[in-house]
Amino acid sequence: MRPHHHLDDATLMSLAAGALPAPLAVVASAHLERCGECRQRLRAAEAIGAALLEQTQPEIASVQRDALRDVMLARLESEAPVDAGKVTALYADTVPLRDGTDPDRMPAALQPYFGERLSTVRWKWIGPGMYCTRARDMPSLIMLKIAPGKSLPVHSHGGSELTQVLQGSYNDALGLFAAGDVADLDSDVEHQPVTAPGVPCICVSALDAPLVFSGWLARKLQRFVQL
């Protein structure tokens, strides 16, 4: 299924420039594995950035192109896993689009942090029907598993949030987010995700600031779940 919700242009430009914080870059990379449209837009962002760089610092641009080419050649000759925490546009451009034949297999960008398969993730209970796990060495990168028909508390964002749906789906004021979709949110968005009937919704999220809950009970519980 083709994604219907995509990365924002500003996110792609930051990724292409190597300026996106590492947790957000990991989630963006997981989306790029599934989304050919965003990969094309990323290539366009790279081209724009390269043109601007050549206009201002042509010698530096040439050195960077040579370095990127060397990295690509080394990667093609090696079977070692990519460090998704240092994801670049070059990585995203070389990852093949998944066909969905093995829904249990984790996107390559997430495997260094959560393992190869969703079925082997060790979950921590955070509330009725709600579980989470945090990435090794990157606590702001989290994976959530929410039972069908559950409503998360109404919240906004203290900064940026990227959420990639891996299995299942949820609805909020922005629409239906199913497997492959990404929610690219900022502090202007307030929403209340509600998981759809059927199977649990599993997603991976990266935050650069804590969530902002509107309800007093959710605010009280926030320090325990650390979201």
N, C-alpha and C. Protein backbone atom coordinates (compact mmCIF):
# COMPACT_ATOMS: atom_id res chain seq x y z
N MET A 1 0.84 -1.19 0.00
CA MET A 1 0.00 0.00 0.00
C MET A 1 0.87 1.24 0.00
N ARG A 2 0.57 2.18 -0.87
CA ARG A 2 1.33 3.41 -0.93
C ARG A 2 0.95 4.33 0.22
N PRO A 3 1.95 4.97 0.85
CA PRO A 3 1.63 5.91 1.93
C PRO A 3 0.81 7.09 1.42
N HIS A 4 -0.05 7.61 2.30
CA HIS A 4 -0.86 8.78 1.97
C HIS A 4 -0.42 10.02 2.75
N HIS A 5 0.37 9.81 3.81
CA HIS A 5 0.88 10.93 4.59
C HIS A 5 2.40 10.91 4.50
N HIS A 6 3.00 12.07 4.21
CA HIS A 6 4.40 12.13 3.83
C HIS A 6 5.20 13.09 4.71
N LEU A 7 6.51 13.08 4.51
CA LEU A 7 7.40 13.99 5.21
C LEU A 7 7.22 15.41 4.69
N ASP A 8 7.33 16.36 5.60
CA ASP A 8 7.23 17.77 5.24
C ASP A 8 8.47 18.20 4.45
N ASP A 9 8.30 19.21 3.60
CA ASP A 9 9.42 19.70 2.80
C ASP A 9 10.58 20.15 3.68
N ALA A 10 10.27 20.82 4.79
CA ALA A 10 11.33 21.30 5.69
C ALA A 10 12.11 20.14 6.29
N THR A 11 11.41 19.04 6.60
CA THR A 11 12.09 17.86 7.14
C THR A 11 13.03 17.27 6.10
N LEU A 12 12.57 17.18 4.86
CA LEU A 12 13.42 16.63 3.80
C LEU A 12 14.63 17.51 3.54
N MET A 13 14.44 18.82 3.58
CA MET A 13 15.57 19.72 3.37
C MET A 13 16.59 19.57 4.50
N SER A 14 16.12 19.45 5.73
CA SER A 14 17.03 19.25 6.86
C SER A 14 17.76 17.93 6.75
N LEU A 15 17.05 16.89 6.33
CA LEU A 15 17.68 15.58 6.15
C LEU A 15 18.74 15.64 5.07
N ALA A 16 18.42 16.27 3.95
CA ALA A 16 19.37 16.37 2.86
C ALA A 16 20.62 17.15 3.27
N ALA A 17 20.44 18.12 4.16
CA ALA A 17 21.57 18.95 4.61
C ALA A 17 22.33 18.30 5.76
N GLY A 18 21.85 17.17 6.27
CA GLY A 18 22.49 16.52 7.41
C GLY A 18 22.23 17.24 8.71
N ALA A 19 21.16 18.05 8.76
CA ALA A 19 20.88 18.86 9.94
C ALA A 19 19.74 18.32 10.79
N LEU A 20 19.10 17.24 10.38
CA LEU A 20 17.98 16.69 11.13
C LEU A 20 18.53 15.92 12.34
N PRO A 21 17.99 16.18 13.55
CA PRO A 21 18.46 15.43 14.73
C PRO A 21 18.37 13.93 14.50
N ALA A 22 19.30 13.20 15.09
CA ALA A 22 19.44 11.77 14.80
C ALA A 22 18.16 10.98 15.01
N PRO A 23 17.41 11.13 16.13
CA PRO A 23 16.18 10.32 16.28
C PRO A 23 15.17 10.60 15.17
N LEU A 24 15.01 11.88 14.81
CA LEU A 24 14.08 12.21 13.73
C LEU A 24 14.57 11.64 12.41
N ALA A 25 15.88 11.65 12.20
CA ALA A 25 16.43 11.11 10.95
C ALA A 25 16.19 9.61 10.83
N VAL A 26 16.23 8.90 11.96
CA VAL A 26 15.97 7.46 11.93
C VAL A 26 14.53 7.19 11.48
N VAL A 27 13.57 7.93 12.05
CA VAL A 27 12.17 7.73 11.68
C VAL A 27 11.95 8.15 10.23
N ALA A 28 12.55 9.25 9.81
CA ALA A 28 12.43 9.68 8.42
C ALA A 28 12.96 8.61 7.48
N SER A 29 14.06 7.98 7.86
CA SER A 29 14.64 6.93 7.03
C SER A 29 13.72 5.71 6.94
N ALA A 30 13.06 5.38 8.07
CA ALA A 30 12.11 4.27 8.04
C ALA A 30 10.97 4.56 7.08
N HIS A 31 10.51 5.80 7.03
CA HIS A 31 9.46 6.17 6.08
C HIS A 31 9.97 6.11 4.64
N LEU A 32 11.18 6.57 4.42
CA LEU A 32 11.72 6.58 3.06
C LEU A 32 11.85 5.17 2.49
N GLU A 33 12.01 4.18 3.37
CA GLU A 33 12.04 2.79 2.90
C GLU A 33 10.73 2.41 2.22
N ARG A 34 9.65 2.98 2.67
CA ARG A 34 8.33 2.61 2.17
C ARG A 34 7.80 3.56 1.11
N CYS A 35 8.39 4.73 0.98
CA CYS A 35 7.75 5.79 0.20
C CYS A 35 8.63 6.27 -0.95
N GLY A 36 8.31 5.82 -2.16
CA GLY A 36 9.04 6.28 -3.33
C GLY A 36 8.85 7.75 -3.61
N GLU A 37 7.67 8.28 -3.29
CA GLU A 37 7.41 9.69 -3.54
C GLU A 37 8.34 10.57 -2.71
N CYS A 38 8.51 10.24 -1.44
CA CYS A 38 9.39 11.04 -0.60
C CYS A 38 10.85 10.87 -1.00
N ARG A 39 11.23 9.70 -1.50
CA ARG A 39 12.60 9.54 -1.98
C ARG A 39 12.87 10.45 -3.16
N GLN A 40 11.89 10.57 -4.05
CA GLN A 40 12.05 11.49 -5.19
C GLN A 40 12.16 12.93 -4.72
N ARG A 41 11.34 13.31 -3.74
CA ARG A 41 11.40 14.68 -3.22
C ARG A 41 12.72 14.92 -2.49
N LEU A 42 13.24 13.89 -1.86
CA LEU A 42 14.54 14.03 -1.19
C LEU A 42 15.65 14.27 -2.20
N ARG A 43 15.60 13.55 -3.31
CA ARG A 43 16.61 13.77 -4.36
C ARG A 43 16.53 15.21 -4.87
N ALA A 44 15.32 15.73 -5.00
CA ALA A 44 15.18 17.13 -5.44
C ALA A 44 15.76 18.08 -4.40
N ALA A 45 15.54 17.78 -3.12
CA ALA A 45 16.11 18.63 -2.07
C ALA A 45 17.62 18.57 -2.08
N GLU A 46 18.18 17.39 -2.32
CA GLU A 46 19.62 17.26 -2.44
C GLU A 46 20.16 18.09 -3.59
N ALA A 47 19.45 18.04 -4.72
CA ALA A 47 19.91 18.79 -5.89
C ALA A 47 19.90 20.29 -5.63
N ILE A 48 18.85 20.76 -4.95
CA ILE A 48 18.77 22.18 -4.62
C ILE A 48 19.92 22.57 -3.68
N GLY A 49 20.14 21.74 -2.67
CA GLY A 49 21.22 22.02 -1.72
C GLY A 49 22.58 22.02 -2.37
N ALA A 50 22.79 21.05 -3.29
CA ALA A 50 24.08 20.98 -3.98
C ALA A 50 24.30 22.22 -4.85
N ALA A 51 23.22 22.67 -5.52
CA ALA A 51 23.35 23.85 -6.38
C ALA A 51 23.68 25.09 -5.55
N LEU A 52 23.01 25.24 -4.41
CA LEU A 52 23.30 26.38 -3.55
C LEU A 52 24.71 26.32 -3.00
N LEU A 53 25.15 25.12 -2.66
CA LEU A 53 26.50 24.97 -2.12
C LEU A 53 27.55 25.30 -3.17
N GLU A 54 27.31 24.87 -4.39
CA GLU A 54 28.26 25.16 -5.46
C GLU A 54 28.36 26.65 -5.74
N GLN A 55 27.25 27.35 -5.59
CA GLN A 55 27.26 28.80 -5.82
C GLN A 55 28.05 29.54 -4.76
N THR A 56 28.07 28.98 -3.55
CA THR A 56 28.72 29.68 -2.45
C THR A 56 30.11 29.14 -2.14
N GLN A 57 30.27 27.82 -2.23
CA GLN A 57 31.55 27.21 -1.89
C GLN A 57 31.83 26.07 -2.87
N PRO A 58 32.18 26.38 -4.10
CA PRO A 58 32.34 25.33 -5.13
C PRO A 58 33.41 24.31 -4.79
N GLU A 59 34.49 24.71 -4.16
CA GLU A 59 35.54 23.76 -3.86
C GLU A 59 35.10 22.78 -2.78
N ILE A 60 34.40 23.29 -1.76
CA ILE A 60 33.91 22.42 -0.70
C ILE A 60 32.88 21.44 -1.25
N ALA A 61 32.01 21.94 -2.14
CA ALA A 61 30.99 21.07 -2.73
C ALA A 61 31.62 19.92 -3.47
N SER A 62 32.70 20.17 -4.18
CA SER A 62 33.36 19.13 -4.94
C SER A 62 33.93 18.07 -4.00
N VAL A 63 34.51 18.51 -2.90
CA VAL A 63 35.05 17.57 -1.92
C VAL A 63 33.94 16.72 -1.31
N GLN A 64 32.80 17.35 -1.00
CA GLN A 64 31.69 16.60 -0.42
C GLN A 64 31.13 15.57 -1.39
N ARG A 65 31.03 15.94 -2.67
CA ARG A 65 30.54 14.98 -3.66
C ARG A 65 31.47 13.77 -3.74
N ASP A 66 32.77 14.02 -3.71
CA ASP A 66 33.73 12.92 -3.77
C ASP A 66 33.60 12.03 -2.55
N ALA A 67 33.41 12.66 -1.38
CA ALA A 67 33.27 11.88 -0.15
C ALA A 67 32.02 11.02 -0.18
N LEU A 68 30.90 11.59 -0.66
CA LEU A 68 29.65 10.83 -0.76
C LEU A 68 29.79 9.66 -1.73
N ARG A 69 30.49 9.90 -2.83
CA ARG A 69 30.69 8.82 -3.79
C ARG A 69 31.51 7.69 -3.18
N ASP A 70 32.53 8.04 -2.41
CA ASP A 70 33.35 7.03 -1.76
C ASP A 70 32.53 6.22 -0.76
N VAL A 71 31.66 6.91 -0.01
CA VAL A 71 30.80 6.21 0.95
C VAL A 71 29.88 5.24 0.23
N MET A 72 29.30 5.66 -0.90
CA MET A 72 28.40 4.79 -1.66
C MET A 72 29.14 3.55 -2.15
N LEU A 73 30.33 3.73 -2.71
CA LEU A 73 31.08 2.59 -3.22
C LEU A 73 31.45 1.62 -2.10
N ALA A 74 31.84 2.18 -0.95
CA ALA A 74 32.18 1.32 0.18
C ALA A 74 30.97 0.54 0.66
N ARG A 75 29.80 1.19 0.65
CA ARG A 75 28.58 0.53 1.10
C ARG A 75 28.17 -0.58 0.15
N LEU A 76 28.31 -0.35 -1.13
CA LEU A 76 27.94 -1.37 -2.09
C LEU A 76 28.83 -2.60 -2.00
N GLU A 77 30.05 -2.41 -1.52
CA GLU A 77 30.99 -3.52 -1.40
C GLU A 77 30.89 -4.23 -0.05
N SER A 78 30.11 -3.69 0.85
CA SER A 78 30.04 -4.23 2.20
C SER A 78 28.62 -4.67 2.51
N GLU A 79 28.48 -5.71 3.33
CA GLU A 79 27.17 -6.16 3.78
C GLU A 79 26.91 -5.71 5.20
N ALA A 80 27.79 -4.87 5.75
CA ALA A 80 27.60 -4.40 7.12
C ALA A 80 26.37 -3.51 7.21
N PRO A 81 25.63 -3.55 8.33
CA PRO A 81 24.43 -2.71 8.46
C PRO A 81 24.79 -1.24 8.50
N VAL A 82 23.88 -0.42 8.00
CA VAL A 82 24.06 1.02 8.00
C VAL A 82 23.79 1.57 9.38
N ASP A 83 24.55 2.57 9.81
CA ASP A 83 24.29 3.27 11.06
C ASP A 83 23.16 4.25 10.84
N ALA A 84 21.94 3.87 11.22
CA ALA A 84 20.79 4.72 10.93
C ALA A 84 20.83 6.01 11.73
N GLY A 85 21.58 6.05 12.83
CA GLY A 85 21.69 7.28 13.58
C GLY A 85 22.44 8.36 12.84
N LYS A 86 23.15 7.97 11.77
CA LYS A 86 23.87 8.92 10.94
C LYS A 86 23.31 8.90 9.53
N VAL A 87 22.01 8.67 9.44
CA VAL A 87 21.37 8.55 8.15
C VAL A 87 21.55 9.82 7.33
N THR A 88 21.73 9.64 6.03
CA THR A 88 21.85 10.76 5.11
C THR A 88 20.94 10.53 3.93
N ALA A 89 20.82 11.51 3.08
CA ALA A 89 20.02 11.35 1.87
C ALA A 89 20.58 10.23 1.01
N LEU A 90 21.89 10.04 1.03
CA LEU A 90 22.49 8.97 0.24
C LEU A 90 21.95 7.61 0.67
N TYR A 91 21.84 7.39 1.99
CA TYR A 91 21.29 6.13 2.50
C TYR A 91 19.86 5.94 2.02
N ALA A 92 19.05 6.98 2.18
CA ALA A 92 17.65 6.87 1.81
C ALA A 92 17.48 6.54 0.34
N ASP A 93 18.36 7.06 -0.49
CA ASP A 93 18.23 6.85 -1.92
C ASP A 93 18.57 5.44 -2.34
N THR A 94 19.34 4.71 -1.50
CA THR A 94 19.77 3.38 -1.90
C THR A 94 18.93 2.27 -1.27
N VAL A 95 18.01 2.61 -0.37
CA VAL A 95 17.17 1.59 0.27
C VAL A 95 16.01 1.22 -0.64
N PRO A 96 15.82 -0.07 -0.95
CA PRO A 96 14.72 -0.45 -1.83
C PRO A 96 13.37 -0.30 -1.16
N LEU A 97 12.35 -0.08 -1.96
CA LEU A 97 10.99 0.02 -1.45
C LEU A 97 10.50 -1.34 -1.02
N ARG A 98 9.95 -1.42 0.19
CA ARG A 98 9.43 -2.69 0.68
C ARG A 98 8.11 -3.04 -0.01
N ASP A 99 7.86 -4.34 -0.18
CA ASP A 99 6.63 -4.77 -0.84
C ASP A 99 5.60 -5.27 0.15
N GLY A 100 5.93 -5.26 1.44
CA GLY A 100 4.96 -5.65 2.46
C GLY A 100 4.76 -7.14 2.61
N THR A 101 5.63 -7.98 1.99
CA THR A 101 5.44 -9.42 2.06
C THR A 101 5.78 -9.98 3.44
N ASP A 102 6.55 -9.27 4.24
CA ASP A 102 6.92 -9.74 5.57
C ASP A 102 6.65 -8.62 6.56
N PRO A 103 5.41 -8.47 7.01
CA PRO A 103 5.07 -7.35 7.89
C PRO A 103 5.74 -7.42 9.25
N ASP A 104 6.30 -8.58 9.62
CA ASP A 104 6.96 -8.70 10.91
C ASP A 104 8.39 -8.17 10.88
N ARG A 105 8.95 -7.98 9.70
CA ARG A 105 10.34 -7.53 9.60
C ARG A 105 10.43 -6.02 9.84
N MET A 106 11.34 -5.63 10.70
CA MET A 106 11.54 -4.23 11.04
C MET A 106 12.21 -3.49 9.89
N PRO A 107 11.83 -2.24 9.62
CA PRO A 107 12.58 -1.45 8.64
C PRO A 107 14.07 -1.43 8.99
N ALA A 108 14.92 -1.41 7.99
CA ALA A 108 16.37 -1.50 8.20
C ALA A 108 16.88 -0.40 9.12
N ALA A 109 16.32 0.79 9.01
CA ALA A 109 16.79 1.91 9.84
C ALA A 109 16.55 1.69 11.31
N LEU A 110 15.56 0.85 11.65
CA LEU A 110 15.21 0.63 13.05
C LEU A 110 15.90 -0.58 13.66
N GLN A 111 16.44 -1.44 12.84
CA GLN A 111 16.99 -2.70 13.34
C GLN A 111 18.14 -2.52 14.33
N PRO A 112 19.04 -1.53 14.15
CA PRO A 112 20.10 -1.38 15.16
C PRO A 112 19.59 -1.02 16.55
N TYR A 113 18.34 -0.55 16.64
CA TYR A 113 17.81 -0.06 17.90
C TYR A 113 16.76 -0.98 18.50
N PHE A 114 16.01 -1.70 17.66
CA PHE A 114 14.90 -2.50 18.15
C PHE A 114 14.97 -3.97 17.72
N GLY A 115 15.96 -4.34 16.96
CA GLY A 115 16.04 -5.71 16.47
C GLY A 115 15.44 -5.87 15.09
N GLU A 116 15.49 -7.08 14.58
CA GLU A 116 15.10 -7.33 13.19
C GLU A 116 13.60 -7.55 13.02
N ARG A 117 12.90 -7.99 14.08
CA ARG A 117 11.50 -8.37 13.91
C ARG A 117 10.63 -7.75 14.99
N LEU A 118 9.42 -7.34 14.59
CA LEU A 118 8.48 -6.77 15.54
C LEU A 118 8.08 -7.77 16.62
N SER A 119 7.99 -9.04 16.24
CA SER A 119 7.52 -10.06 17.17
C SER A 119 8.50 -10.32 18.31
N THR A 120 9.74 -9.85 18.20
CA THR A 120 10.73 -10.08 19.25
C THR A 120 10.94 -8.85 20.14
N VAL A 121 10.19 -7.77 19.90
CA VAL A 121 10.34 -6.57 20.71
C VAL A 121 9.87 -6.85 22.14
N ARG A 122 10.62 -6.36 23.11
CA ARG A 122 10.25 -6.52 24.51
C ARG A 122 9.54 -5.24 24.95
N TRP A 123 8.26 -5.36 25.24
CA TRP A 123 7.43 -4.21 25.53
C TRP A 123 7.34 -3.93 27.02
N LYS A 124 7.18 -2.66 27.37
CA LYS A 124 6.96 -2.23 28.74
C LYS A 124 5.55 -1.66 28.86
N TRP A 125 4.78 -2.14 29.82
CA TRP A 125 3.40 -1.68 30.03
C TRP A 125 3.43 -0.24 30.53
N ILE A 126 2.63 0.65 29.89
CA ILE A 126 2.54 2.04 30.35
C ILE A 126 1.10 2.45 30.65
N GLY A 127 0.15 1.58 30.37
CA GLY A 127 -1.25 1.87 30.62
C GLY A 127 -2.10 0.77 30.02
N PRO A 128 -3.40 0.75 30.32
CA PRO A 128 -4.28 -0.30 29.78
C PRO A 128 -4.20 -0.37 28.25
N GLY A 129 -3.73 -1.50 27.75
CA GLY A 129 -3.62 -1.70 26.31
C GLY A 129 -2.51 -0.91 25.64
N MET A 130 -1.60 -0.32 26.42
CA MET A 130 -0.54 0.53 25.86
C MET A 130 0.83 0.07 26.34
N TYR A 131 1.74 -0.08 25.39
CA TYR A 131 3.08 -0.56 25.69
C TYR A 131 4.10 0.28 24.91
N CYS A 132 5.32 0.33 25.43
CA CYS A 132 6.36 1.05 24.71
C CYS A 132 7.70 0.39 24.93
N THR A 133 8.67 0.76 24.12
CA THR A 133 10.06 0.40 24.32
C THR A 133 10.90 1.54 23.77
N ARG A 134 12.07 1.74 24.37
CA ARG A 134 12.95 2.83 23.95
C ARG A 134 14.18 2.28 23.26
N ALA A 135 14.69 3.05 22.32
CA ALA A 135 15.87 2.63 21.58
C ALA A 135 17.10 2.63 22.48
N ARG A 136 17.95 1.68 22.24
CA ARG A 136 19.22 1.67 22.95
C ARG A 136 20.04 2.90 22.56
N ASP A 137 20.54 3.60 23.56
CA ASP A 137 21.42 4.76 23.37
C ASP A 137 20.73 5.94 22.70
N MET A 138 19.40 5.91 22.59
CA MET A 138 18.68 7.03 21.99
C MET A 138 17.28 7.09 22.62
N PRO A 139 17.18 7.61 23.85
CA PRO A 139 15.92 7.52 24.60
C PRO A 139 14.77 8.30 23.98
N SER A 140 15.04 9.27 23.12
CA SER A 140 13.94 10.02 22.50
C SER A 140 13.38 9.31 21.27
N LEU A 141 13.90 8.14 20.96
CA LEU A 141 13.37 7.29 19.89
C LEU A 141 12.62 6.15 20.55
N ILE A 142 11.30 6.11 20.38
CA ILE A 142 10.47 5.13 21.09
C ILE A 142 9.56 4.40 20.11
N MET A 143 9.20 3.18 20.51
CA MET A 143 8.22 2.42 19.75
C MET A 143 7.02 2.18 20.65
N LEU A 144 5.82 2.35 20.09
CA LEU A 144 4.58 2.20 20.84
C LEU A 144 3.73 1.09 20.24
N LYS A 145 3.05 0.36 21.11
CA LYS A 145 2.08 -0.65 20.69
C LYS A 145 0.79 -0.38 21.45
N ILE A 146 -0.25 0.00 20.70
CA ILE A 146 -1.51 0.41 21.31
C ILE A 146 -2.62 -0.54 20.83
N ALA A 147 -3.39 -1.07 21.76
CA ALA A 147 -4.48 -1.99 21.42
C ALA A 147 -5.54 -1.29 20.57
N PRO A 148 -6.31 -2.06 19.79
CA PRO A 148 -7.37 -1.46 18.96
C PRO A 148 -8.40 -0.71 19.80
N GLY A 149 -8.88 0.41 19.27
CA GLY A 149 -9.94 1.15 19.92
C GLY A 149 -9.53 1.98 21.11
N LYS A 150 -8.24 2.20 21.29
CA LYS A 150 -7.76 3.00 22.42
C LYS A 150 -7.57 4.46 22.00
N SER A 151 -7.88 5.38 22.92
CA SER A 151 -7.68 6.80 22.68
C SER A 151 -6.49 7.28 23.51
N LEU A 152 -5.55 7.92 22.88
CA LEU A 152 -4.46 8.55 23.61
C LEU A 152 -4.93 9.90 24.14
N PRO A 153 -4.33 10.41 25.20
CA PRO A 153 -4.75 11.72 25.71
C PRO A 153 -4.54 12.82 24.68
N VAL A 154 -5.39 13.84 24.73
CA VAL A 154 -5.22 15.01 23.86
C VAL A 154 -3.89 15.67 24.20
N HIS A 155 -3.10 15.98 23.17
CA HIS A 155 -1.81 16.59 23.42
C HIS A 155 -1.35 17.41 22.23
N SER A 156 -0.45 18.32 22.51
CA SER A 156 0.28 19.04 21.47
C SER A 156 1.76 18.70 21.65
N HIS A 157 2.63 19.47 21.01
CA HIS A 157 4.04 19.09 20.98
C HIS A 157 4.92 20.27 21.37
N GLY A 158 5.89 20.00 22.24
CA GLY A 158 6.82 21.04 22.62
C GLY A 158 7.81 21.37 21.53
N GLY A 159 7.90 20.52 20.53
CA GLY A 159 8.81 20.73 19.41
C GLY A 159 8.33 19.91 18.23
N SER A 160 9.25 19.21 17.59
CA SER A 160 8.91 18.38 16.43
C SER A 160 8.66 16.93 16.85
N GLU A 161 7.77 16.27 16.11
CA GLU A 161 7.53 14.84 16.30
C GLU A 161 7.40 14.19 14.94
N LEU A 162 8.08 13.07 14.77
CA LEU A 162 7.87 12.22 13.60
C LEU A 162 7.39 10.87 14.09
N THR A 163 6.28 10.40 13.53
CA THR A 163 5.74 9.09 13.89
C THR A 163 5.48 8.30 12.62
N GLN A 164 6.10 7.13 12.51
CA GLN A 164 5.91 6.24 11.38
C GLN A 164 5.08 5.04 11.82
N VAL A 165 3.98 4.78 11.14
CA VAL A 165 3.14 3.63 11.46
C VAL A 165 3.72 2.39 10.81
N LEU A 166 3.94 1.36 11.62
CA LEU A 166 4.51 0.11 11.12
C LEU A 166 3.45 -0.96 10.90
N GLN A 167 2.49 -1.04 11.80
CA GLN A 167 1.37 -1.97 11.66
C GLN A 167 0.12 -1.32 12.22
N GLY A 168 -1.04 -1.79 11.74
CA GLY A 168 -2.29 -1.23 12.23
C GLY A 168 -2.50 0.19 11.74
N SER A 169 -3.35 0.94 12.44
CA SER A 169 -3.65 2.30 12.01
C SER A 169 -4.29 3.07 13.16
N TYR A 170 -4.34 4.38 12.98
CA TYR A 170 -5.05 5.23 13.95
C TYR A 170 -5.67 6.42 13.22
N ASN A 171 -6.66 7.02 13.85
CA ASN A 171 -7.31 8.22 13.33
C ASN A 171 -7.08 9.38 14.28
N ASP A 172 -6.96 10.57 13.71
CA ASP A 172 -6.99 11.79 14.51
C ASP A 172 -7.55 12.90 13.64
N ALA A 173 -7.41 14.15 14.10
CA ALA A 173 -7.97 15.28 13.35
C ALA A 173 -7.34 15.44 11.98
N LEU A 174 -6.19 14.84 11.76
CA LEU A 174 -5.50 14.96 10.48
C LEU A 174 -5.87 13.85 9.50
N GLY A 175 -6.63 12.86 9.97
CA GLY A 175 -7.07 11.79 9.07
C GLY A 175 -6.66 10.42 9.56
N LEU A 176 -6.71 9.45 8.65
CA LEU A 176 -6.34 8.06 8.95
C LEU A 176 -4.86 7.86 8.61
N PHE A 177 -4.13 7.31 9.57
CA PHE A 177 -2.73 6.98 9.38
C PHE A 177 -2.58 5.47 9.47
N ALA A 178 -2.22 4.86 8.34
CA ALA A 178 -2.08 3.41 8.25
C ALA A 178 -0.61 3.05 8.06
N ALA A 179 -0.32 1.74 7.98
CA ALA A 179 1.06 1.28 7.85
C ALA A 179 1.74 1.95 6.65
N GLY A 180 2.90 2.52 6.88
CA GLY A 180 3.64 3.24 5.85
C GLY A 180 3.50 4.74 5.95
N ASP A 181 2.44 5.22 6.59
CA ASP A 181 2.23 6.67 6.72
C ASP A 181 3.12 7.25 7.81
N VAL A 182 3.48 8.52 7.65
CA VAL A 182 4.25 9.22 8.65
C VAL A 182 3.49 10.48 9.07
N ALA A 183 3.49 10.77 10.36
CA ALA A 183 2.93 12.01 10.88
C ALA A 183 4.10 12.93 11.19
N ASP A 184 4.20 14.03 10.46
CA ASP A 184 5.27 15.01 10.62
C ASP A 184 4.66 16.24 11.28
N LEU A 185 4.83 16.36 12.60
CA LEU A 185 4.07 17.31 13.40
C LEU A 185 4.98 18.33 14.07
N ASP A 186 4.41 19.49 14.37
CA ASP A 186 5.14 20.52 15.11
C ASP A 186 4.29 21.04 16.25
N SER A 187 4.72 22.12 16.88
CA SER A 187 4.05 22.63 18.07
C SER A 187 2.67 23.23 17.78
N ASP A 188 2.33 23.41 16.52
CA ASP A 188 1.02 23.98 16.17
C ASP A 188 -0.09 22.94 16.17
N VAL A 189 0.27 21.66 16.24
CA VAL A 189 -0.71 20.58 16.10
C VAL A 189 -1.13 20.07 17.47
N GLU A 190 -2.44 20.03 17.71
CA GLU A 190 -3.01 19.37 18.88
C GLU A 190 -3.93 18.26 18.38
N HIS A 191 -3.77 17.07 18.90
CA HIS A 191 -4.59 15.96 18.39
C HIS A 191 -4.76 14.90 19.46
N GLN A 192 -5.64 13.94 19.14
CA GLN A 192 -5.91 12.80 20.01
C GLN A 192 -6.01 11.55 19.15
N PRO A 193 -4.90 10.84 18.97
CA PRO A 193 -4.95 9.61 18.16
C PRO A 193 -5.86 8.56 18.79
N VAL A 194 -6.64 7.90 17.95
CA VAL A 194 -7.50 6.80 18.36
C VAL A 194 -7.20 5.61 17.45
N THR A 195 -6.75 4.52 18.02
CA THR A 195 -6.38 3.36 17.21
C THR A 195 -7.62 2.72 16.60
N ALA A 196 -7.47 2.24 15.38
CA ALA A 196 -8.58 1.66 14.64
C ALA A 196 -8.88 0.24 15.12
N PRO A 197 -10.09 -0.26 14.88
CA PRO A 197 -10.40 -1.65 15.24
C PRO A 197 -9.54 -2.62 14.44
N GLY A 198 -9.43 -3.84 14.97
CA GLY A 198 -8.70 -4.87 14.24
C GLY A 198 -7.46 -5.31 14.98
N VAL A 199 -6.32 -4.82 14.56
CA VAL A 199 -5.03 -5.24 15.12
C VAL A 199 -4.42 -4.08 15.90
N PRO A 200 -3.50 -4.36 16.83
CA PRO A 200 -2.82 -3.27 17.53
C PRO A 200 -2.09 -2.35 16.55
N CYS A 201 -1.99 -1.10 16.94
CA CYS A 201 -1.24 -0.12 16.15
C CYS A 201 0.18 -0.06 16.71
N ILE A 202 1.14 -0.36 15.87
CA ILE A 202 2.55 -0.28 16.25
C ILE A 202 3.20 0.84 15.46
N CYS A 203 3.84 1.76 16.14
CA CYS A 203 4.47 2.87 15.45
C CYS A 203 5.77 3.23 16.15
N VAL A 204 6.64 3.92 15.44
CA VAL A 204 7.89 4.41 16.01
C VAL A 204 7.85 5.92 15.96
N SER A 205 8.25 6.57 17.07
CA SER A 205 8.17 8.01 17.18
C SER A 205 9.50 8.58 17.66
N ALA A 206 9.79 9.79 17.19
CA ALA A 206 10.95 10.53 17.66
C ALA A 206 10.50 11.93 18.05
N LEU A 207 10.97 12.39 19.19
CA LEU A 207 10.60 13.71 19.70
C LEU A 207 11.87 14.50 19.96
N ASP A 208 11.81 15.81 19.72
CA ASP A 208 12.93 16.66 20.15
C ASP A 208 12.54 17.52 21.34
N ALA A 209 11.34 17.29 21.89
CA ALA A 209 10.87 17.95 23.11
C ALA A 209 9.70 17.13 23.64
N PRO A 210 9.43 17.18 24.94
CA PRO A 210 8.32 16.39 25.50
C PRO A 210 6.97 16.81 24.93
N LEU A 211 6.03 15.87 24.94
CA LEU A 211 4.65 16.19 24.57
C LEU A 211 4.04 17.14 25.60
N VAL A 212 3.01 17.86 25.17
CA VAL A 212 2.31 18.79 26.05
C VAL A 212 0.87 18.30 26.18
N PHE A 213 0.53 17.73 27.34
CA PHE A 213 -0.81 17.18 27.56
C PHE A 213 -1.72 18.25 28.14
N SER A 214 -2.98 18.25 27.69
CA SER A 214 -3.93 19.24 28.17
C SER A 214 -4.67 18.79 29.42
N GLY A 215 -4.80 17.49 29.62
CA GLY A 215 -5.52 16.98 30.79
C GLY A 215 -4.62 16.87 32.01
N TRP A 216 -5.17 17.14 33.20
CA TRP A 216 -4.35 17.12 34.41
C TRP A 216 -3.85 15.72 34.74
N LEU A 217 -4.68 14.69 34.48
CA LEU A 217 -4.27 13.33 34.81
C LEU A 217 -3.11 12.90 33.91
N ALA A 218 -3.22 13.22 32.61
CA ALA A 218 -2.14 12.87 31.69
C ALA A 218 -0.85 13.58 32.08
N ARG A 219 -0.97 14.82 32.53
CA ARG A 219 0.23 15.55 32.95
C ARG A 219 0.85 14.90 34.18
N LYS A 220 0.01 14.40 35.10
CA LYS A 220 0.52 13.72 36.28
C LYS A 220 1.26 12.43 35.92
N LEU A 221 0.71 11.72 34.94
CA LEU A 221 1.29 10.45 34.54
C LEU A 221 2.51 10.60 33.63
N GLN A 222 2.67 11.77 33.07
CA GLN A 222 3.73 11.98 32.08
C GLN A 222 5.12 11.70 32.63
N ARG A 223 5.34 12.05 33.89
CA ARG A 223 6.67 11.85 34.45
C ARG A 223 7.00 10.38 34.63
N PHE A 224 5.95 9.54 34.68
CA PHE A 224 6.21 8.10 34.83
C PHE A 224 6.45 7.43 33.47
N VAL A 225 5.74 7.84 32.45
CA VAL A 225 5.93 7.23 31.12
C VAL A 225 6.98 7.96 30.31
N GLN A 226 7.36 9.19 30.72
CA GLN A 226 8.44 9.93 30.09
C GLN A 226 8.23 10.13 28.60
N LEU A 227 7.07 10.72 28.26
CA LEU A 227 6.76 11.05 26.87
C LEU A 227 6.62 12.56 26.76
